[in-house]
N, C-alpha and C. Protein backbone atom coordinates (compact mmCIF):
# COMPACT_ATOMS: atom_id res chain seq x y z
N MET A 1 84.71 -170.75 -13.72
CA MET A 1 83.41 -171.22 -13.36
C MET A 1 83.29 -171.43 -11.84
N LEU A 2 84.36 -171.96 -11.26
CA LEU A 2 84.37 -172.16 -9.81
C LEU A 2 84.29 -170.81 -9.10
N THR A 3 85.00 -169.79 -9.62
CA THR A 3 84.97 -168.46 -9.03
C THR A 3 83.56 -167.89 -9.04
N THR A 4 82.83 -168.09 -10.12
CA THR A 4 81.45 -167.62 -10.22
C THR A 4 80.58 -168.31 -9.19
N ALA A 5 80.77 -169.61 -9.02
CA ALA A 5 79.99 -170.37 -8.04
C ALA A 5 80.27 -169.89 -6.62
N ILE A 6 81.54 -169.63 -6.32
CA ILE A 6 81.91 -169.14 -4.99
C ILE A 6 81.31 -167.77 -4.75
N MET A 7 81.39 -166.90 -5.74
CA MET A 7 80.82 -165.55 -5.59
C MET A 7 79.32 -165.64 -5.37
N PHE A 8 78.63 -166.53 -6.11
CA PHE A 8 77.19 -166.69 -5.94
C PHE A 8 76.88 -167.22 -4.54
N PHE A 9 77.61 -168.24 -4.10
CA PHE A 9 77.42 -168.82 -2.79
C PHE A 9 77.58 -167.76 -1.70
N CYS A 10 78.65 -166.95 -1.81
CA CYS A 10 78.92 -165.93 -0.80
C CYS A 10 77.87 -164.83 -0.82
N SER A 11 77.27 -164.57 -1.97
CA SER A 11 76.28 -163.50 -2.04
C SER A 11 74.95 -163.91 -1.44
N ILE A 12 74.66 -165.22 -1.39
CA ILE A 12 73.36 -165.64 -0.84
C ILE A 12 73.44 -166.11 0.61
N ILE A 13 74.63 -166.27 1.11
CA ILE A 13 74.77 -166.78 2.47
C ILE A 13 74.39 -165.70 3.48
N THR A 14 73.68 -166.06 4.49
CA THR A 14 73.26 -165.14 5.56
C THR A 14 73.93 -165.58 6.85
N PRO A 15 73.95 -164.71 7.87
CA PRO A 15 74.55 -165.13 9.15
C PRO A 15 73.95 -166.42 9.71
N SER A 16 72.62 -166.58 9.59
CA SER A 16 72.01 -167.79 10.15
C SER A 16 72.36 -169.03 9.32
N SER A 17 72.38 -168.87 7.99
CA SER A 17 72.76 -170.04 7.17
C SER A 17 74.24 -170.36 7.35
N ALA A 18 75.06 -169.34 7.59
CA ALA A 18 76.49 -169.59 7.83
C ALA A 18 76.66 -170.40 9.11
N THR A 19 75.87 -170.08 10.13
CA THR A 19 75.93 -170.83 11.38
C THR A 19 75.52 -172.27 11.15
N ASN A 20 74.42 -172.45 10.40
CA ASN A 20 73.94 -173.82 10.12
C ASN A 20 74.96 -174.62 9.33
N LEU A 21 75.75 -173.96 8.49
CA LEU A 21 76.75 -174.65 7.70
C LEU A 21 78.09 -174.77 8.42
N GLY A 22 78.17 -174.20 9.63
CA GLY A 22 79.41 -174.24 10.38
C GLY A 22 80.45 -173.27 9.85
N LEU A 23 80.00 -172.24 9.16
CA LEU A 23 80.92 -171.27 8.55
C LEU A 23 81.04 -169.98 9.36
N GLN A 24 80.33 -169.91 10.47
CA GLN A 24 80.32 -168.68 11.26
C GLN A 24 81.70 -168.40 11.82
N HIS A 25 82.18 -167.21 11.68
CA HIS A 25 83.42 -166.79 12.31
C HIS A 25 83.25 -165.35 12.81
N GLN A 26 84.13 -164.98 13.66
CA GLN A 26 84.06 -163.66 14.27
C GLN A 26 84.45 -162.60 13.25
N ILE A 27 83.55 -161.68 13.01
CA ILE A 27 83.84 -160.55 12.13
C ILE A 27 83.83 -159.30 12.99
N HIS A 28 84.92 -158.57 12.93
CA HIS A 28 85.02 -157.34 13.71
C HIS A 28 85.15 -156.16 12.75
N VAL A 29 84.20 -155.28 12.81
CA VAL A 29 84.25 -154.08 12.00
C VAL A 29 84.80 -152.96 12.90
N MET A 30 85.88 -152.36 12.45
CA MET A 30 86.50 -151.31 13.27
C MET A 30 85.63 -150.05 13.23
N SER A 31 85.47 -149.45 14.40
CA SER A 31 84.75 -148.18 14.48
C SER A 31 85.65 -147.06 13.97
N GLU A 32 85.05 -145.91 13.75
CA GLU A 32 85.84 -144.75 13.32
C GLU A 32 86.91 -144.44 14.36
N PHE A 33 86.56 -144.55 15.63
CA PHE A 33 87.52 -144.31 16.70
C PHE A 33 88.69 -145.28 16.59
N GLU A 34 88.41 -146.57 16.42
CA GLU A 34 89.47 -147.57 16.35
C GLU A 34 90.38 -147.35 15.14
N MET A 35 89.77 -146.99 14.00
CA MET A 35 90.57 -146.73 12.80
C MET A 35 91.45 -145.50 13.00
N THR A 36 90.87 -144.47 13.59
CA THR A 36 91.63 -143.24 13.84
C THR A 36 92.77 -143.52 14.81
N ARG A 37 92.47 -144.26 15.86
CA ARG A 37 93.50 -144.59 16.86
C ARG A 37 94.63 -145.40 16.23
N ALA A 38 94.29 -146.36 15.39
CA ALA A 38 95.31 -147.17 14.73
C ALA A 38 96.20 -146.30 13.84
N SER A 39 95.60 -145.40 13.09
CA SER A 39 96.39 -144.50 12.23
C SER A 39 97.27 -143.58 13.06
N ALA A 40 96.72 -143.08 14.16
CA ALA A 40 97.50 -142.20 15.05
C ALA A 40 98.69 -142.95 15.64
N MET A 41 98.47 -144.19 16.05
CA MET A 41 99.55 -144.99 16.63
C MET A 41 100.64 -145.27 15.60
N ASN A 42 100.28 -145.22 14.32
CA ASN A 42 101.25 -145.43 13.24
C ASN A 42 101.92 -144.14 12.79
N GLY A 43 101.68 -143.03 13.52
CA GLY A 43 102.40 -141.79 13.25
C GLY A 43 101.71 -140.80 12.34
N ASP A 44 100.46 -141.02 11.98
CA ASP A 44 99.71 -140.11 11.12
C ASP A 44 99.28 -138.88 11.94
N ALA A 45 99.88 -137.73 11.64
CA ALA A 45 99.61 -136.50 12.42
C ALA A 45 98.16 -136.05 12.30
N ASP A 46 97.56 -136.22 11.13
CA ASP A 46 96.15 -135.85 10.95
C ASP A 46 95.27 -136.74 11.83
N ALA A 47 95.57 -138.03 11.87
CA ALA A 47 94.81 -138.94 12.73
C ALA A 47 95.02 -138.62 14.20
N MET A 48 96.24 -138.22 14.57
CA MET A 48 96.50 -137.82 15.95
C MET A 48 95.61 -136.64 16.34
N THR A 49 95.47 -135.70 15.42
CA THR A 49 94.62 -134.54 15.67
C THR A 49 93.16 -134.96 15.82
N ARG A 50 92.68 -135.81 14.91
CA ARG A 50 91.30 -136.29 15.00
C ARG A 50 91.08 -137.06 16.30
N LEU A 51 92.05 -137.89 16.68
CA LEU A 51 91.93 -138.66 17.91
C LEU A 51 91.88 -137.73 19.12
N GLY A 52 92.72 -136.70 19.14
CA GLY A 52 92.68 -135.72 20.21
C GLY A 52 91.31 -135.05 20.30
N SER A 53 90.74 -134.71 19.15
CA SER A 53 89.40 -134.11 19.13
C SER A 53 88.35 -135.08 19.64
N MET A 54 88.47 -136.35 19.25
CA MET A 54 87.51 -137.35 19.69
C MET A 54 87.54 -137.50 21.21
N TYR A 55 88.75 -137.52 21.78
CA TYR A 55 88.86 -137.61 23.24
C TYR A 55 88.34 -136.33 23.90
N TYR A 56 88.60 -135.19 23.31
CA TYR A 56 88.15 -133.92 23.90
C TYR A 56 86.63 -133.82 23.89
N LEU A 57 86.01 -134.21 22.78
CA LEU A 57 84.56 -134.08 22.61
C LEU A 57 83.78 -135.29 23.10
N GLY A 58 84.48 -136.39 23.38
CA GLY A 58 83.79 -137.61 23.77
C GLY A 58 83.08 -138.24 22.59
N GLN A 59 83.67 -138.18 21.41
CA GLN A 59 83.07 -138.73 20.19
C GLN A 59 83.52 -140.18 20.01
N ASP A 60 82.60 -141.12 20.09
CA ASP A 60 82.87 -142.56 19.98
C ASP A 60 83.75 -143.09 21.11
N THR A 61 83.97 -142.30 22.14
CA THR A 61 84.77 -142.70 23.29
C THR A 61 84.43 -141.75 24.44
N PRO A 62 84.63 -142.17 25.66
CA PRO A 62 84.38 -141.24 26.78
C PRO A 62 85.32 -140.02 26.69
N GLU A 63 84.84 -138.88 27.13
CA GLU A 63 85.69 -137.68 27.18
C GLU A 63 86.91 -137.98 28.04
N ASN A 64 88.07 -137.52 27.56
CA ASN A 64 89.30 -137.74 28.30
C ASN A 64 90.26 -136.59 27.98
N PRO A 65 90.17 -135.49 28.74
CA PRO A 65 91.01 -134.32 28.45
C PRO A 65 92.51 -134.63 28.46
N LYS A 66 92.94 -135.54 29.33
CA LYS A 66 94.36 -135.88 29.40
C LYS A 66 94.84 -136.50 28.09
N LEU A 67 94.07 -137.45 27.55
CA LEU A 67 94.44 -138.07 26.28
C LEU A 67 94.25 -137.10 25.12
N ALA A 68 93.27 -136.21 25.22
CA ALA A 68 93.09 -135.19 24.18
C ALA A 68 94.34 -134.32 24.10
N LEU A 69 94.84 -133.90 25.24
CA LEU A 69 96.05 -133.08 25.30
C LEU A 69 97.25 -133.86 24.76
N GLU A 70 97.38 -135.11 25.16
CA GLU A 70 98.51 -135.93 24.73
C GLU A 70 98.56 -136.05 23.20
N TRP A 71 97.42 -136.39 22.59
CA TRP A 71 97.41 -136.58 21.14
C TRP A 71 97.52 -135.27 20.37
N MET A 72 96.91 -134.21 20.89
CA MET A 72 97.04 -132.90 20.23
C MET A 72 98.49 -132.43 20.29
N THR A 73 99.15 -132.67 21.40
CA THR A 73 100.55 -132.26 21.55
C THR A 73 101.43 -133.03 20.57
N LYS A 74 101.22 -134.34 20.45
CA LYS A 74 102.00 -135.14 19.50
C LYS A 74 101.83 -134.60 18.08
N ALA A 75 100.59 -134.34 17.70
CA ALA A 75 100.32 -133.84 16.35
C ALA A 75 100.90 -132.44 16.15
N ALA A 76 100.76 -131.59 17.17
CA ALA A 76 101.28 -130.22 17.08
C ALA A 76 102.79 -130.23 16.93
N GLN A 77 103.46 -131.13 17.62
CA GLN A 77 104.91 -131.22 17.52
C GLN A 77 105.36 -131.72 16.14
N LEU A 78 104.44 -132.36 15.42
CA LEU A 78 104.71 -132.80 14.05
C LEU A 78 104.27 -131.74 13.04
N ASN A 79 104.00 -130.53 13.54
CA ASN A 79 103.63 -129.37 12.72
C ASN A 79 102.27 -129.49 12.05
N GLU A 80 101.33 -130.16 12.68
CA GLU A 80 99.98 -130.22 12.17
C GLU A 80 99.28 -128.94 12.65
N PRO A 81 98.94 -128.02 11.71
CA PRO A 81 98.45 -126.69 12.10
C PRO A 81 97.17 -126.68 12.93
N TYR A 82 96.20 -127.52 12.60
CA TYR A 82 94.95 -127.52 13.37
C TYR A 82 95.22 -127.96 14.81
N ALA A 83 96.09 -128.95 14.98
CA ALA A 83 96.45 -129.40 16.34
C ALA A 83 97.15 -128.28 17.09
N GLN A 84 98.01 -127.53 16.41
CA GLN A 84 98.70 -126.40 17.04
C GLN A 84 97.68 -125.35 17.50
N ALA A 85 96.69 -125.08 16.65
CA ALA A 85 95.66 -124.11 17.03
C ALA A 85 94.86 -124.61 18.21
N CYS A 86 94.48 -125.88 18.20
CA CYS A 86 93.73 -126.46 19.32
C CYS A 86 94.54 -126.39 20.61
N LEU A 87 95.80 -126.71 20.51
CA LEU A 87 96.67 -126.66 21.68
C LEU A 87 96.76 -125.23 22.21
N GLY A 88 96.87 -124.28 21.30
CA GLY A 88 96.87 -122.87 21.71
C GLY A 88 95.60 -122.49 22.45
N LEU A 89 94.47 -122.97 21.95
CA LEU A 89 93.19 -122.68 22.62
C LEU A 89 93.08 -123.41 23.95
N PHE A 90 93.66 -124.61 24.04
CA PHE A 90 93.69 -125.30 25.33
C PHE A 90 94.41 -124.44 26.37
N TYR A 91 95.54 -123.88 25.97
CA TYR A 91 96.31 -123.03 26.90
C TYR A 91 95.56 -121.75 27.22
N TYR A 92 94.89 -121.19 26.24
CA TYR A 92 94.17 -119.94 26.48
C TYR A 92 93.00 -120.16 27.44
N GLU A 93 92.24 -121.24 27.22
CA GLU A 93 91.08 -121.52 28.06
C GLU A 93 91.47 -122.03 29.44
N GLY A 94 92.58 -122.73 29.53
CA GLY A 94 93.03 -123.26 30.81
C GLY A 94 92.17 -124.38 31.36
N LYS A 95 91.45 -125.08 30.49
CA LYS A 95 90.60 -126.19 30.96
C LYS A 95 91.35 -127.52 30.94
N VAL A 96 92.15 -127.73 29.93
CA VAL A 96 92.86 -129.00 29.76
C VAL A 96 94.26 -128.91 30.36
N VAL A 97 94.85 -127.74 30.31
CA VAL A 97 96.17 -127.45 30.87
C VAL A 97 96.08 -126.14 31.64
N ALA A 98 97.12 -125.84 32.40
CA ALA A 98 97.15 -124.57 33.13
C ALA A 98 97.10 -123.42 32.13
N GLN A 99 96.31 -122.42 32.43
CA GLN A 99 96.15 -121.27 31.54
C GLN A 99 97.48 -120.55 31.36
N SER A 100 97.79 -120.23 30.11
CA SER A 100 99.02 -119.52 29.80
C SER A 100 98.87 -118.79 28.47
N ASN A 101 98.78 -117.47 28.54
CA ASN A 101 98.69 -116.70 27.30
C ASN A 101 99.97 -116.84 26.48
N LEU A 102 101.11 -116.99 27.16
CA LEU A 102 102.38 -117.14 26.46
C LEU A 102 102.37 -118.41 25.60
N ASN A 103 102.01 -119.54 26.20
CA ASN A 103 101.96 -120.80 25.44
C ASN A 103 100.85 -120.77 24.39
N ALA A 104 99.72 -120.16 24.72
CA ALA A 104 98.62 -120.03 23.76
C ALA A 104 99.09 -119.25 22.54
N TYR A 105 99.75 -118.13 22.79
CA TYR A 105 100.26 -117.29 21.71
C TYR A 105 101.25 -118.06 20.84
N ALA A 106 102.19 -118.75 21.46
CA ALA A 106 103.23 -119.47 20.71
C ALA A 106 102.61 -120.56 19.83
N TRP A 107 101.67 -121.34 20.37
CA TRP A 107 101.08 -122.41 19.56
C TRP A 107 100.19 -121.85 18.46
N LEU A 108 99.45 -120.79 18.75
CA LEU A 108 98.61 -120.20 17.70
C LEU A 108 99.45 -119.56 16.61
N LEU A 109 100.56 -118.95 16.99
CA LEU A 109 101.45 -118.36 15.99
C LEU A 109 102.03 -119.46 15.09
N ARG A 110 102.42 -120.57 15.68
CA ARG A 110 102.93 -121.70 14.88
C ARG A 110 101.84 -122.20 13.92
N ALA A 111 100.61 -122.26 14.41
CA ALA A 111 99.50 -122.71 13.55
C ALA A 111 99.34 -121.79 12.35
N VAL A 112 99.39 -120.49 12.60
CA VAL A 112 99.27 -119.52 11.50
C VAL A 112 100.43 -119.68 10.53
N LEU A 113 101.64 -119.79 11.05
CA LEU A 113 102.81 -119.94 10.19
C LEU A 113 102.76 -121.23 9.37
N ASN A 114 102.03 -122.23 9.87
CA ASN A 114 101.88 -123.49 9.15
C ASN A 114 100.62 -123.54 8.29
N GLY A 115 99.93 -122.40 8.18
CA GLY A 115 98.83 -122.31 7.23
C GLY A 115 97.42 -122.29 7.78
N ASP A 116 97.22 -122.33 9.08
CA ASP A 116 95.87 -122.29 9.64
C ASP A 116 95.45 -120.82 9.83
N MET A 117 94.83 -120.27 8.81
CA MET A 117 94.47 -118.85 8.84
C MET A 117 93.34 -118.56 9.82
N GLU A 118 92.58 -119.58 10.21
CA GLU A 118 91.51 -119.37 11.19
C GLU A 118 92.09 -119.09 12.57
N ALA A 119 93.36 -119.39 12.78
CA ALA A 119 94.00 -119.15 14.07
C ALA A 119 94.40 -117.68 14.24
N ILE A 120 94.28 -116.88 13.19
CA ILE A 120 94.68 -115.47 13.28
C ILE A 120 93.82 -114.71 14.27
N LYS A 121 92.52 -114.93 14.25
CA LYS A 121 91.62 -114.18 15.14
C LYS A 121 91.94 -114.43 16.62
N PRO A 122 91.98 -115.69 17.08
CA PRO A 122 92.32 -115.88 18.50
C PRO A 122 93.75 -115.42 18.82
N LEU A 123 94.67 -115.56 17.85
CA LEU A 123 96.04 -115.08 18.06
C LEU A 123 96.04 -113.58 18.31
N THR A 124 95.28 -112.85 17.53
CA THR A 124 95.19 -111.39 17.67
C THR A 124 94.59 -111.00 19.03
N ILE A 125 93.56 -111.72 19.44
CA ILE A 125 92.92 -111.43 20.73
C ILE A 125 93.90 -111.67 21.87
N ILE A 126 94.58 -112.80 21.84
CA ILE A 126 95.54 -113.13 22.90
C ILE A 126 96.69 -112.13 22.91
N ARG A 127 97.17 -111.80 21.73
CA ARG A 127 98.29 -110.85 21.64
C ARG A 127 97.92 -109.50 22.26
N SER A 128 96.67 -109.09 22.09
CA SER A 128 96.23 -107.80 22.65
C SER A 128 96.20 -107.83 24.18
N GLN A 129 96.22 -109.00 24.77
CA GLN A 129 96.18 -109.15 26.23
C GLN A 129 97.56 -109.38 26.83
N MET A 130 98.59 -109.33 25.98
CA MET A 130 99.95 -109.64 26.45
C MET A 130 100.82 -108.40 26.50
N GLU A 131 101.81 -108.47 27.38
CA GLU A 131 102.83 -107.42 27.46
C GLU A 131 103.83 -107.62 26.32
N PRO A 132 104.44 -106.54 25.83
CA PRO A 132 105.42 -106.67 24.75
C PRO A 132 106.55 -107.66 25.04
N MET A 133 107.00 -107.72 26.29
CA MET A 133 108.07 -108.65 26.65
C MET A 133 107.61 -110.11 26.48
N ASP A 134 106.36 -110.38 26.83
CA ASP A 134 105.83 -111.73 26.68
C ASP A 134 105.63 -112.09 25.20
N ILE A 135 105.25 -111.13 24.39
CA ILE A 135 105.11 -111.37 22.95
C ILE A 135 106.47 -111.73 22.37
N GLN A 136 107.50 -111.01 22.82
CA GLN A 136 108.86 -111.30 22.36
C GLN A 136 109.28 -112.72 22.78
N LYS A 137 108.95 -113.10 24.02
CA LYS A 137 109.25 -114.45 24.49
C LYS A 137 108.54 -115.49 23.64
N GLY A 138 107.28 -115.24 23.33
CA GLY A 138 106.50 -116.16 22.49
C GLY A 138 107.10 -116.29 21.11
N ASN A 139 107.53 -115.16 20.54
CA ASN A 139 108.17 -115.19 19.22
C ASN A 139 109.45 -116.02 19.26
N LEU A 140 110.23 -115.87 20.32
CA LEU A 140 111.46 -116.65 20.47
C LEU A 140 111.16 -118.15 20.63
N MET A 141 110.11 -118.47 21.37
CA MET A 141 109.71 -119.87 21.53
C MET A 141 109.40 -120.50 20.17
N VAL A 142 108.66 -119.75 19.35
CA VAL A 142 108.31 -120.25 18.02
C VAL A 142 109.55 -120.38 17.16
N LEU A 143 110.40 -119.38 17.18
CA LEU A 143 111.64 -119.42 16.38
C LEU A 143 112.51 -120.60 16.79
N GLU A 144 112.66 -120.84 18.09
CA GLU A 144 113.44 -121.98 18.57
C GLU A 144 112.80 -123.29 18.13
N GLY A 145 111.48 -123.35 18.17
CA GLY A 145 110.77 -124.56 17.74
C GLY A 145 110.96 -124.82 16.26
N LEU A 146 110.96 -123.76 15.46
CA LEU A 146 111.18 -123.92 14.03
C LEU A 146 112.61 -124.35 13.74
N GLN A 147 113.56 -123.81 14.49
CA GLN A 147 114.96 -124.18 14.27
C GLN A 147 115.20 -125.65 14.63
N ASN A 148 114.46 -126.16 15.59
CA ASN A 148 114.64 -127.56 16.00
C ASN A 148 114.13 -128.53 14.93
N HIS A 149 113.33 -128.03 13.99
CA HIS A 149 112.79 -128.89 12.92
C HIS A 149 113.61 -128.81 11.64
N ILE A 150 114.67 -128.04 11.64
CA ILE A 150 115.50 -127.90 10.43
C ILE A 150 116.57 -128.96 10.41
């Protein structure tokens, strides 16, 4: 019976009546950015990827290419395929990091090997712009990266 009374009381209380009753306390609702950041800080690779995207696009936070790169790299190193593809595109475009077809190719290839089939198209385009020796270097980079995770 007491539980029912408490539930009823809580359902009718408003912020102004709570203040009048001295019940007002600070309520903080976490934003999507804050929740994503907290999950990323706890090692969630998917959240790291989302956080990198949020910083890159300026979604719920000011644009910050440096932090976008940092979080995408962390997620990519944890084998998150979308982050690997984004990192590859960062290298290809040369806006967030120095342009490098070799690094772009290696990250996009890792993304494809980890299941991101949408990375095949940019991988193919970049590969067509590379010398055979550089493709071989990129393949070795990926192979070494895979061996380090075994």
